Amino acid sequence: MQKLLSFLLSLKFIGILIGLVLLYAILPVILPFVGVRLFDLLGCDAGGSGPQITCPNQIEEILTYMMLTYWFAIFTLPTGFLVAGVLVIILVLRFVMLERRH
């Protein structure tokens, strides 16, 4: 049990968790830009305003979902940065505890 707890509180593990949480928070903001770029690269034709794409069916669905994922950012940005902030506080406290021990 002590090995598991020391692993969960290790600086490396907390750093990896912070990176994953930030990726979770920012990914819905990045995906629409990737979708628009793929849209241009594949030469798809937009039929008017909105996410109307004329491409092969599977590609059309994927690109449409990619361009609409920014709505998830309403949820993922605040929760992701809140969790990342808590993890940074834990990381700083763990670092201070390790420095005092030496």
PDB file of N, CA and C in Angstrom:
ATOM      1  N   MET A   1       0.825  -1.192   0.000  1.00  0.00           N
ATOM      2  CA  MET A   1       0.000   0.000   0.000  1.00  0.00           C
ATOM      3  C   MET A   1       0.872   1.259   0.000  1.00  0.00           C
ATOM      4  N   GLN A   2       1.981   1.202   0.736  1.00  0.00           N
ATOM      5  CA  GLN A   2       2.858   2.361   0.801  1.00  0.00           C
ATOM      6  C   GLN A   2       3.539   2.617  -0.539  1.00  0.00           C
ATOM      7  N   LYS A   3       3.883   1.539  -1.271  1.00  0.00           N
ATOM      8  CA  LYS A   3       4.489   1.714  -2.592  1.00  0.00           C
ATOM      9  C   LYS A   3       3.519   2.387  -3.549  1.00  0.00           C
ATOM     10  N   LEU A   4       2.255   1.974  -3.503  1.00  0.00           N
ATOM     11  CA  LEU A   4       1.246   2.567  -4.370  1.00  0.00           C
ATOM     12  C   LEU A   4       1.062   4.040  -4.045  1.00  0.00           C
ATOM     13  N   LEU A   5       0.997   4.366  -2.773  1.00  0.00           N
ATOM     14  CA  LEU A   5       0.831   5.757  -2.360  1.00  0.00           C
ATOM     15  C   LEU A   5       2.036   6.600  -2.741  1.00  0.00           C
ATOM     16  N   SER A   6       3.245   6.066  -2.576  1.00  0.00           N
ATOM     17  CA  SER A   6       4.430   6.834  -2.954  1.00  0.00           C
ATOM     18  C   SER A   6       4.498   7.028  -4.474  1.00  0.00           C
ATOM     19  N   PHE A   7       4.007   6.036  -5.242  1.00  0.00           N
ATOM     20  CA  PHE A   7       3.964   6.193  -6.699  1.00  0.00           C
ATOM     21  C   PHE A   7       2.950   7.265  -7.094  1.00  0.00           C
ATOM     22  N   LEU A   8       1.762   7.251  -6.475  1.00  0.00           N
ATOM     23  CA  LEU A   8       0.729   8.226  -6.802  1.00  0.00           C
ATOM     24  C   LEU A   8       1.121   9.649  -6.422  1.00  0.00           C
ATOM     25  N   LEU A   9       1.990   9.792  -5.436  1.00  0.00           N
ATOM     26  CA  LEU A   9       2.446  11.120  -5.022  1.00  0.00           C
ATOM     27  C   LEU A   9       3.807  11.480  -5.599  1.00  0.00           C
ATOM     28  N   SER A  10       4.346  10.654  -6.499  1.00  0.00           N
ATOM     29  CA  SER A  10       5.645  10.972  -7.087  1.00  0.00           C
ATOM     30  C   SER A  10       5.517  12.167  -8.024  1.00  0.00           C
ATOM     31  N   LEU A  11       6.608  12.919  -8.137  1.00  0.00           N
ATOM     32  CA  LEU A  11       6.599  14.116  -8.973  1.00  0.00           C
ATOM     33  C   LEU A  11       6.352  13.785 -10.436  1.00  0.00           C
ATOM     34  N   LYS A  12       6.901  12.665 -10.900  1.00  0.00           N
ATOM     35  CA  LYS A  12       6.735  12.266 -12.298  1.00  0.00           C
ATOM     36  C   LYS A  12       5.261  11.948 -12.598  1.00  0.00           C
ATOM     37  N   PHE A  13       4.615  11.191 -11.716  1.00  0.00           N
ATOM     38  CA  PHE A  13       3.220  10.809 -11.931  1.00  0.00           C
ATOM     39  C   PHE A  13       2.298  12.036 -11.907  1.00  0.00           C
ATOM     40  N   ILE A  14       2.521  12.940 -10.979  1.00  0.00           N
ATOM     41  CA  ILE A  14       1.698  14.150 -10.909  1.00  0.00           C
ATOM     42  C   ILE A  14       1.927  15.019 -12.142  1.00  0.00           C
ATOM     43  N   GLY A  15       3.168  15.089 -12.625  1.00  0.00           N
ATOM     44  CA  GLY A  15       3.456  15.842 -13.848  1.00  0.00           C
ATOM     45  C   GLY A  15       2.750  15.267 -15.063  1.00  0.00           C
ATOM     46  N   ILE A  16       2.734  13.934 -15.162  1.00  0.00           N
ATOM     47  CA  ILE A  16       2.018  13.283 -16.263  1.00  0.00           C
ATOM     48  C   ILE A  16       0.529  13.564 -16.159  1.00  0.00           C
ATOM     49  N   LEU A  17      -0.016  13.500 -14.946  1.00  0.00           N
ATOM     50  CA  LEU A  17      -1.442  13.796 -14.755  1.00  0.00           C
ATOM     51  C   LEU A  17      -1.777  15.224 -15.158  1.00  0.00           C
ATOM     52  N   ILE A  18      -0.920  16.168 -14.820  1.00  0.00           N
ATOM     53  CA  ILE A  18      -1.159  17.565 -15.201  1.00  0.00           C
ATOM     54  C   ILE A  18      -1.176  17.690 -16.723  1.00  0.00           C
ATOM     55  N   GLY A  19      -0.249  17.032 -17.401  1.00  0.00           N
ATOM     56  CA  GLY A  19      -0.221  17.069 -18.866  1.00  0.00           C
ATOM     57  C   GLY A  19      -1.477  16.474 -19.477  1.00  0.00           C
ATOM     58  N   LEU A  20      -1.939  15.356 -18.944  1.00  0.00           N
ATOM     59  CA  LEU A  20      -3.156  14.729 -19.463  1.00  0.00           C
ATOM     60  C   LEU A  20      -4.388  15.589 -19.216  1.00  0.00           C
ATOM     61  N   VAL A  21      -4.455  16.219 -18.055  1.00  0.00           N
ATOM     62  CA  VAL A  21      -5.603  17.072 -17.745  1.00  0.00           C
ATOM     63  C   VAL A  21      -5.608  18.304 -18.643  1.00  0.00           C
ATOM     64  N   LEU A  22      -4.452  18.888 -18.898  1.00  0.00           N
ATOM     65  CA  LEU A  22      -4.396  20.035 -19.806  1.00  0.00           C
ATOM     66  C   LEU A  22      -4.760  19.633 -21.230  1.00  0.00           C
ATOM     67  N   LEU A  23      -4.357  18.442 -21.652  1.00  0.00           N
ATOM     68  CA  LEU A  23      -4.764  17.948 -22.964  1.00  0.00           C
ATOM     69  C   LEU A  23      -6.278  17.771 -23.027  1.00  0.00           C
ATOM     70  N   TYR A  24      -6.860  17.239 -21.948  1.00  0.00           N
ATOM     71  CA  TYR A  24      -8.323  17.090 -21.855  1.00  0.00           C
ATOM     72  C   TYR A  24      -9.010  18.445 -21.952  1.00  0.00           C
ATOM     73  N   ALA A  25      -8.421  19.457 -21.336  1.00  0.00           N
ATOM     74  CA  ALA A  25      -9.045  20.781 -21.326  1.00  0.00           C
ATOM     75  C   ALA A  25      -8.937  21.473 -22.680  1.00  0.00           C
ATOM     76  N   ILE A  26      -7.828  21.317 -23.366  1.00  0.00           N
ATOM     77  CA  ILE A  26      -7.570  22.088 -24.577  1.00  0.00           C
ATOM     78  C   ILE A  26      -7.994  21.352 -25.852  1.00  0.00           C
ATOM     79  N   LEU A  27      -8.125  20.036 -25.814  1.00  0.00           N
ATOM     80  CA  LEU A  27      -8.430  19.272 -27.026  1.00  0.00           C
ATOM     81  C   LEU A  27      -9.698  19.728 -27.749  1.00  0.00           C
ATOM     82  N   PRO A  28     -10.810  20.023 -27.063  1.00  0.00           N
ATOM     83  CA  PRO A  28     -11.986  20.494 -27.811  1.00  0.00           C
ATOM     84  C   PRO A  28     -11.788  21.846 -28.486  1.00  0.00           C
ATOM     85  N   VAL A  29     -10.788  22.597 -28.082  1.00  0.00           N
ATOM     86  CA  VAL A  29     -10.491  23.869 -28.743  1.00  0.00           C
ATOM     87  C   VAL A  29      -9.609  23.632 -29.969  1.00  0.00           C
ATOM     88  N   ILE A  30      -8.748  22.626 -29.907  1.00  0.00           N
ATOM     89  CA  ILE A  30      -7.814  22.345 -30.997  1.00  0.00           C
ATOM     90  C   ILE A  30      -8.485  21.569 -32.138  1.00  0.00           C
ATOM     91  N   LEU A  31      -9.375  20.637 -31.811  1.00  0.00           N
ATOM     92  CA  LEU A  31      -9.981  19.781 -32.838  1.00  0.00           C
ATOM     93  C   LEU A  31     -10.701  20.537 -33.948  1.00  0.00           C
ATOM     94  N   PRO A  32     -11.454  21.606 -33.682  1.00  0.00           N
ATOM     95  CA  PRO A  32     -12.073  22.316 -34.806  1.00  0.00           C
ATOM     96  C   PRO A  32     -11.067  22.889 -35.801  1.00  0.00           C
ATOM     97  N   PHE A  33      -9.924  23.364 -35.304  1.00  0.00           N
ATOM     98  CA  PHE A  33      -8.897  23.886 -36.201  1.00  0.00           C
ATOM     99  C   PHE A  33      -8.327  22.769 -37.072  1.00  0.00           C
ATOM    100  N   VAL A  34      -8.131  21.599 -36.478  1.00  0.00           N
ATOM    101  CA  VAL A  34      -7.656  20.443 -37.241  1.00  0.00           C
ATOM    102  C   VAL A  34      -8.709  20.035 -38.268  1.00  0.00           C
ATOM    103  N   GLY A  35      -9.994  20.052 -37.865  1.00  0.00           N
ATOM    104  CA  GLY A  35     -11.071  19.696 -38.788  1.00  0.00           C
ATOM    105  C   GLY A  35     -11.156  20.639 -39.973  1.00  0.00           C
ATOM    106  N   VAL A  36     -11.012  21.936 -39.722  1.00  0.00           N
ATOM    107  CA  VAL A  36     -11.048  22.913 -40.818  1.00  0.00           C
ATOM    108  C   VAL A  36      -9.860  22.705 -41.750  1.00  0.00           C
ATOM    109  N   ARG A  37      -8.711  22.418 -41.179  1.00  0.00           N
ATOM    110  CA  ARG A  37      -7.518  22.187 -42.009  1.00  0.00           C
ATOM    111  C   ARG A  37      -7.694  20.931 -42.868  1.00  0.00           C
ATOM    112  N   LEU A  38      -8.219  19.856 -42.272  1.00  0.00           N
ATOM    113  CA  LEU A  38      -8.482  18.641 -43.047  1.00  0.00           C
ATOM    114  C   LEU A  38      -9.528  18.895 -44.126  1.00  0.00           C
ATOM    115  N   PHE A  39     -10.515  19.689 -43.792  1.00  0.00           N
ATOM    116  CA  PHE A  39     -11.553  20.072 -44.738  1.00  0.00           C
ATOM    117  C   PHE A  39     -10.930  20.714 -45.976  1.00  0.00           C
ATOM    118  N   ASP A  40      -9.986  21.629 -45.747  1.00  0.00           N
ATOM    119  CA  ASP A  40      -9.312  22.289 -46.865  1.00  0.00           C
ATOM    120  C   ASP A  40      -8.393  21.328 -47.628  1.00  0.00           C
ATOM    121  N   LEU A  41      -7.654  20.492 -46.889  1.00  0.00           N
ATOM    122  CA  LEU A  41      -6.721  19.575 -47.537  1.00  0.00           C
ATOM    123  C   LEU A  41      -7.423  18.526 -48.398  1.00  0.00           C
ATOM    124  N   LEU A  42      -8.610  18.075 -47.968  1.00  0.00           N
ATOM    125  CA  LEU A  42      -9.337  17.052 -48.710  1.00  0.00           C
ATOM    126  C   LEU A  42     -10.137  17.630 -49.870  1.00  0.00           C
ATOM    127  N   GLY A  43     -10.185  18.949 -49.952  1.00  0.00           N
ATOM    128  CA  GLY A  43     -10.894  19.586 -51.041  1.00  0.00           C
ATOM    129  C   GLY A  43     -12.402  19.452 -50.965  1.00  0.00           C
ATOM    130  N   CYS A  44     -12.926  19.361 -49.768  1.00  0.00           N
ATOM    131  CA  CYS A  44     -14.374  19.231 -49.601  1.00  0.00           C
ATOM    132  C   CYS A  44     -15.040  20.568 -49.890  1.00  0.00           C
ATOM    133  N   ASP A  45     -16.297  20.514 -50.300  1.00  0.00           N
ATOM    134  CA  ASP A  45     -17.032  21.718 -50.670  1.00  0.00           C
ATOM    135  C   ASP A  45     -18.074  22.023 -49.611  1.00  0.00           C
ATOM    136  N   ALA A  46     -18.019  23.221 -49.056  1.00  0.00           N
ATOM    137  CA  ALA A  46     -19.014  23.640 -48.066  1.00  0.00           C
ATOM    138  C   ALA A  46     -20.200  24.241 -48.798  1.00  0.00           C
ATOM    139  N   GLY A  47     -21.383  23.774 -48.458  1.00  0.00           N
ATOM    140  CA  GLY A  47     -22.580  24.265 -49.123  1.00  0.00           C
ATOM    141  C   GLY A  47     -23.290  25.313 -48.287  1.00  0.00           C
ATOM    142  N   GLY A  48     -22.757  26.496 -48.177  1.00  0.00           N
ATOM    143  CA  GLY A  48     -23.403  27.565 -47.422  1.00  0.00           C
ATOM    144  C   GLY A  48     -22.838  27.702 -46.025  1.00  0.00           C
ATOM    145  N   SER A  49     -23.580  28.417 -45.199  1.00  0.00           N
ATOM    146  CA  SER A  49     -23.118  28.650 -43.836  1.00  0.00           C
ATOM    147  C   SER A  49     -23.396  27.429 -42.971  1.00  0.00           C
ATOM    148  N   GLY A  50     -22.660  27.317 -41.901  1.00  0.00           N
ATOM    149  CA  GLY A  50     -22.844  26.188 -41.000  1.00  0.00           C
ATOM    150  C   GLY A  50     -21.948  25.024 -41.377  1.00  0.00           C
ATOM    151  N   PRO A  51     -22.057  23.951 -40.627  1.00  0.00           N
ATOM    152  CA  PRO A  51     -21.177  22.801 -40.853  1.00  0.00           C
ATOM    153  C   PRO A  51     -21.691  21.864 -41.933  1.00  0.00           C
ATOM    154  N   GLN A  52     -22.047  22.380 -43.089  1.00  0.00           N
ATOM    155  CA  GLN A  52     -22.519  21.540 -44.192  1.00  0.00           C
ATOM    156  C   GLN A  52     -21.337  21.208 -45.083  1.00  0.00           C
ATOM    157  N   ILE A  53     -20.995  19.945 -45.137  1.00  0.00           N
ATOM    158  CA  ILE A  53     -19.816  19.508 -45.870  1.00  0.00           C
ATOM    159  C   ILE A  53     -20.238  18.471 -46.890  1.00  0.00           C
ATOM    160  N   THR A  54     -19.769  18.620 -48.108  1.00  0.00           N
ATOM    161  CA  THR A  54     -20.025  17.585 -49.106  1.00  0.00           C
ATOM    162  C   THR A  54     -18.730  16.849 -49.384  1.00  0.00           C
ATOM    163  N   CYS A  55     -18.572  15.734 -48.756  1.00  0.00           N
ATOM    164  CA  CYS A  55     -17.435  14.828 -48.897  1.00  0.00           C
ATOM    165  C   CYS A  55     -18.017  13.424 -48.888  1.00  0.00           C
ATOM    166  N   PRO A  56     -17.184  12.405 -48.985  1.00  0.00           N
ATOM    167  CA  PRO A  56     -17.699  11.052 -48.755  1.00  0.00           C
ATOM    168  C   PRO A  56     -18.336  10.961 -47.366  1.00  0.00           C
ATOM    169  N   ASN A  57     -19.337  10.117 -47.220  1.00  0.00           N
ATOM    170  CA  ASN A  57     -20.168  10.080 -46.015  1.00  0.00           C
ATOM    171  C   ASN A  57     -19.389   9.963 -44.710  1.00  0.00           C
ATOM    172  N   GLN A  58     -18.457   9.017 -44.609  1.00  0.00           N
ATOM    173  CA  GLN A  58     -17.730   8.824 -43.360  1.00  0.00           C
ATOM    174  C   GLN A  58     -16.850  10.022 -43.046  1.00  0.00           C
ATOM    175  N   ILE A  59     -16.186  10.554 -44.043  1.00  0.00           N
ATOM    176  CA  ILE A  59     -15.325  11.716 -43.829  1.00  0.00           C
ATOM    177  C   ILE A  59     -16.166  12.921 -43.456  1.00  0.00           C
ATOM    178  N   GLU A  60     -17.332  13.054 -44.059  1.00  0.00           N
ATOM    179  CA  GLU A  60     -18.225  14.166 -43.762  1.00  0.00           C
ATOM    180  C   GLU A  60     -18.636  14.149 -42.287  1.00  0.00           C
ATOM    181  N   GLU A  61     -18.993  12.979 -41.774  1.00  0.00           N
ATOM    182  CA  GLU A  61     -19.397  12.876 -40.375  1.00  0.00           C
ATOM    183  C   GLU A  61     -18.241  13.205 -39.444  1.00  0.00           C
ATOM    184  N   ILE A  62     -17.079  12.662 -39.733  1.00  0.00           N
ATOM    185  CA  ILE A  62     -15.914  12.906 -38.879  1.00  0.00           C
ATOM    186  C   ILE A  62     -15.570  14.389 -38.846  1.00  0.00           C
ATOM    187  N   LEU A  63     -15.522  15.029 -40.008  1.00  0.00           N
ATOM    188  CA  LEU A  63     -15.168  16.447 -40.063  1.00  0.00           C
ATOM    189  C   LEU A  63     -16.226  17.312 -39.396  1.00  0.00           C
ATOM    190  N   THR A  64     -17.493  16.955 -39.561  1.00  0.00           N
ATOM    191  CA  THR A  64     -18.558  17.726 -38.918  1.00  0.00           C
ATOM    192  C   THR A  64     -18.432  17.638 -37.407  1.00  0.00           C
ATOM    193  N   TYR A  65     -18.200  16.445 -36.880  1.00  0.00           N
ATOM    194  CA  TYR A  65     -18.030  16.302 -35.430  1.00  0.00           C
ATOM    195  C   TYR A  65     -16.786  17.028 -34.943  1.00  0.00           C
ATOM    196  N   MET A  66     -15.722  16.980 -35.733  1.00  0.00           N
ATOM    197  CA  MET A  66     -14.507  17.683 -35.334  1.00  0.00           C
ATOM    198  C   MET A  66     -14.742  19.189 -35.260  1.00  0.00           C
ATOM    199  N   MET A  67     -15.529  19.728 -36.185  1.00  0.00           N
ATOM    200  CA  MET A  67     -15.765  21.169 -36.195  1.00  0.00           C
ATOM    201  C   MET A  67     -16.766  21.608 -35.131  1.00  0.00           C
ATOM    202  N   LEU A  68     -17.541  20.681 -34.608  1.00  0.00           N
ATOM    203  CA  LEU A  68     -18.526  21.042 -33.584  1.00  0.00           C
ATOM    204  C   LEU A  68     -18.065  20.732 -32.159  1.00  0.00           C
ATOM    205  N   THR A  69     -16.851  20.209 -32.001  1.00  0.00           N
ATOM    206  CA  THR A  69     -16.397  19.844 -30.658  1.00  0.00           C
ATOM    207  C   THR A  69     -16.077  21.042 -29.776  1.00  0.00           C
ATOM    208  N   TYR A  70     -16.001  22.236 -30.356  1.00  0.00           N
ATOM    209  CA  TYR A  70     -15.683  23.395 -29.519  1.00  0.00           C
ATOM    210  C   TYR A  70     -16.753  23.630 -28.469  1.00  0.00           C
ATOM    211  N   TRP A  71     -17.957  23.113 -28.667  1.00  0.00           N
ATOM    212  CA  TRP A  71     -18.995  23.264 -27.649  1.00  0.00           C
ATOM    213  C   TRP A  71     -18.636  22.508 -26.376  1.00  0.00           C
ATOM    214  N   PHE A  72     -17.877  21.438 -26.496  1.00  0.00           N
ATOM    215  CA  PHE A  72     -17.455  20.699 -25.311  1.00  0.00           C
ATOM    216  C   PHE A  72     -16.487  21.518 -24.460  1.00  0.00           C
ATOM    217  N   ALA A  73     -15.861  22.522 -25.048  1.00  0.00           N
ATOM    218  CA  ALA A  73     -14.918  23.356 -24.308  1.00  0.00           C
ATOM    219  C   ALA A  73     -15.611  24.120 -23.188  1.00  0.00           C
ATOM    220  N   ILE A  74     -16.919  24.332 -23.313  1.00  0.00           N
ATOM    221  CA  ILE A  74     -17.668  24.995 -22.235  1.00  0.00           C
ATOM    222  C   ILE A  74     -17.543  24.198 -20.942  1.00  0.00           C
ATOM    223  N   PHE A  75     -17.458  22.890 -21.064  1.00  0.00           N
ATOM    224  CA  PHE A  75     -17.318  22.026 -19.893  1.00  0.00           C
ATOM    225  C   PHE A  75     -15.862  21.692 -19.585  1.00  0.00           C
ATOM    226  N   THR A  76     -15.080  21.369 -20.621  1.00  0.00           N
ATOM    227  CA  THR A  76     -13.736  20.856 -20.373  1.00  0.00           C
ATOM    228  C   THR A  76     -12.734  21.922 -19.946  1.00  0.00           C
ATOM    229  N   LEU A  77     -12.868  23.151 -20.430  1.00  0.00           N
ATOM    230  CA  LEU A  77     -11.904  24.184 -20.029  1.00  0.00           C
ATOM    231  C   LEU A  77     -11.963  24.487 -18.534  1.00  0.00           C
ATOM    232  N   PRO A  78     -13.124  24.808 -17.968  1.00  0.00           N
ATOM    233  CA  PRO A  78     -13.129  25.101 -16.526  1.00  0.00           C
ATOM    234  C   PRO A  78     -12.757  23.898 -15.668  1.00  0.00           C
ATOM    235  N   THR A  79     -13.309  22.720 -15.983  1.00  0.00           N
ATOM    236  CA  THR A  79     -12.994  21.561 -15.152  1.00  0.00           C
ATOM    237  C   THR A  79     -11.542  21.143 -15.303  1.00  0.00           C
ATOM    238  N   GLY A  80     -11.030  21.191 -16.513  1.00  0.00           N
ATOM    239  CA  GLY A  80      -9.637  20.803 -16.732  1.00  0.00           C
ATOM    240  C   GLY A  80      -8.659  21.718 -16.028  1.00  0.00           C
ATOM    241  N   PHE A  81      -8.886  23.029 -16.122  1.00  0.00           N
ATOM    242  CA  PHE A  81      -7.963  23.950 -15.464  1.00  0.00           C
ATOM    243  C   PHE A  81      -8.126  23.932 -13.944  1.00  0.00           C
ATOM    244  N   LEU A  82      -9.323  23.632 -13.454  1.00  0.00           N
ATOM    245  CA  LEU A  82      -9.517  23.492 -12.007  1.00  0.00           C
ATOM    246  C   LEU A  82      -8.752  22.284 -11.482  1.00  0.00           C
ATOM    247  N   VAL A  83      -8.883  21.155 -12.163  1.00  0.00           N
ATOM    248  CA  VAL A  83      -8.163  19.951 -11.749  1.00  0.00           C
ATOM    249  C   VAL A  83      -6.660  20.143 -11.902  1.00  0.00           C
ATOM    250  N   ALA A  84      -6.226  20.799 -12.973  1.00  0.00           N
ATOM    251  CA  ALA A  84      -4.796  21.059 -13.156  1.00  0.00           C
ATOM    252  C   ALA A  84      -4.269  21.964 -12.047  1.00  0.00           C
ATOM    253  N   GLY A  85      -5.062  22.954 -11.645  1.00  0.00           N
ATOM    254  CA  GLY A  85      -4.655  23.827 -10.538  1.00  0.00           C
ATOM    255  C   GLY A  85      -4.495  23.061  -9.242  1.00  0.00           C
ATOM    256  N   VAL A  86      -5.428  22.161  -8.949  1.00  0.00           N
ATOM    257  CA  VAL A  86      -5.323  21.338  -7.740  1.00  0.00           C
ATOM    258  C   VAL A  86      -4.088  20.446  -7.817  1.00  0.00           C
ATOM    259  N   LEU A  87      -3.830  19.874  -8.988  1.00  0.00           N
ATOM    260  CA  LEU A  87      -2.646  19.027  -9.136  1.00  0.00           C
ATOM    261  C   LEU A  87      -1.350  19.825  -9.008  1.00  0.00           C
ATOM    262  N   VAL A  88      -1.332  21.061  -9.478  1.00  0.00           N
ATOM    263  CA  VAL A  88      -0.144  21.906  -9.321  1.00  0.00           C
ATOM    264  C   VAL A  88       0.080  22.202  -7.840  1.00  0.00           C
ATOM    265  N   ILE A  89      -0.994  22.479  -7.100  1.00  0.00           N
ATOM    266  CA  ILE A  89      -0.858  22.713  -5.654  1.00  0.00           C
ATOM    267  C   ILE A  89      -0.308  21.464  -4.968  1.00  0.00           C
ATOM    268  N   ILE A  90      -0.823  20.287  -5.338  1.00  0.00           N
ATOM    269  CA  ILE A  90      -0.310  19.042  -4.765  1.00  0.00           C
ATOM    270  C   ILE A  90       1.156  18.854  -5.131  1.00  0.00           C
ATOM    271  N   LEU A  91       1.519  19.172  -6.368  1.00  0.00           N
ATOM    272  CA  LEU A  91       2.909  19.042  -6.817  1.00  0.00           C
ATOM    273  C   LEU A  91       3.826  19.967  -6.026  1.00  0.00           C
ATOM    274  N   VAL A  92       3.406  21.199  -5.829  1.00  0.00           N
ATOM    275  CA  VAL A  92       4.228  22.154  -5.075  1.00  0.00           C
ATOM    276  C   VAL A  92       4.369  21.698  -3.626  1.00  0.00           C
ATOM    277  N   LEU A  93       3.275  21.260  -3.007  1.00  0.00           N
ATOM    278  CA  LEU A  93       3.350  20.786  -1.618  1.00  0.00           C
ATOM    279  C   LEU A  93       4.244  19.563  -1.509  1.00  0.00           C
ATOM    280  N   ARG A  94       4.152  18.664  -2.464  1.00  0.00           N
ATOM    281  CA  ARG A  94       5.006  17.469  -2.457  1.00  0.00           C
ATOM    282  C   ARG A  94       6.472  17.862  -2.638  1.00  0.00           C
ATOM    283  N   PHE A  95       6.750  18.811  -3.503  1.00  0.00           N
ATOM    284  CA  PHE A  95       8.122  19.270  -3.715  1.00  0.00           C
ATOM    285  C   PHE A  95       8.671  19.920  -2.450  1.00  0.00           C
ATOM    286  N   VAL A  96       7.858  20.728  -1.768  1.00  0.00           N
ATOM    287  CA  VAL A  96       8.288  21.379  -0.527  1.00  0.00           C
ATOM    288  C   VAL A  96       8.538  20.322   0.543  1.00  0.00           C
ATOM    289  N   MET A  97       7.685  19.303   0.617  1.00  0.00           N
ATOM    290  CA  MET A  97       7.892  18.239   1.607  1.00  0.00           C
ATOM    291  C   MET A  97       9.179  17.485   1.333  1.00  0.00           C
ATOM    292  N   LEU A  98       9.488  17.245   0.047  1.00  0.00           N
ATOM    293  CA  LEU A  98      10.736  16.542  -0.277  1.00  0.00           C
ATOM    294  C   LEU A  98      11.951  17.393   0.040  1.00  0.00           C
ATOM    295  N   GLU A  99      11.871  18.700  -0.163  1.00  0.00           N
ATOM    296  CA  GLU A  99      12.990  19.588   0.140  1.00  0.00           C
ATOM    297  C   GLU A  99      13.226  19.685   1.641  1.00  0.00           C
ATOM    298  N   ARG A 100      12.181  19.709   2.429  1.00  0.00           N
ATOM    299  CA  ARG A 100      12.339  19.778   3.880  1.00  0.00           C
ATOM    300  C   ARG A 100      12.916  18.489   4.447  1.00  0.00           C
ATOM    301  N   ARG A 101      12.610  17.373   3.789  1.00  0.00           N
ATOM    302  CA  ARG A 101      13.110  16.098   4.263  1.00  0.00           C
ATOM    303  C   ARG A 101      14.637  16.005   4.114  1.00  0.00           C
ATOM    304  N   HIS A 102      15.188  16.695   3.117  1.00  0.00           N
ATOM    305  CA  HIS A 102      16.634  16.638   2.867  1.00  0.00           C
ATOM    306  C   HIS A 102      17.266  17.775   3.511  1.00  0.00           C
TER     307      HIS A 102
END
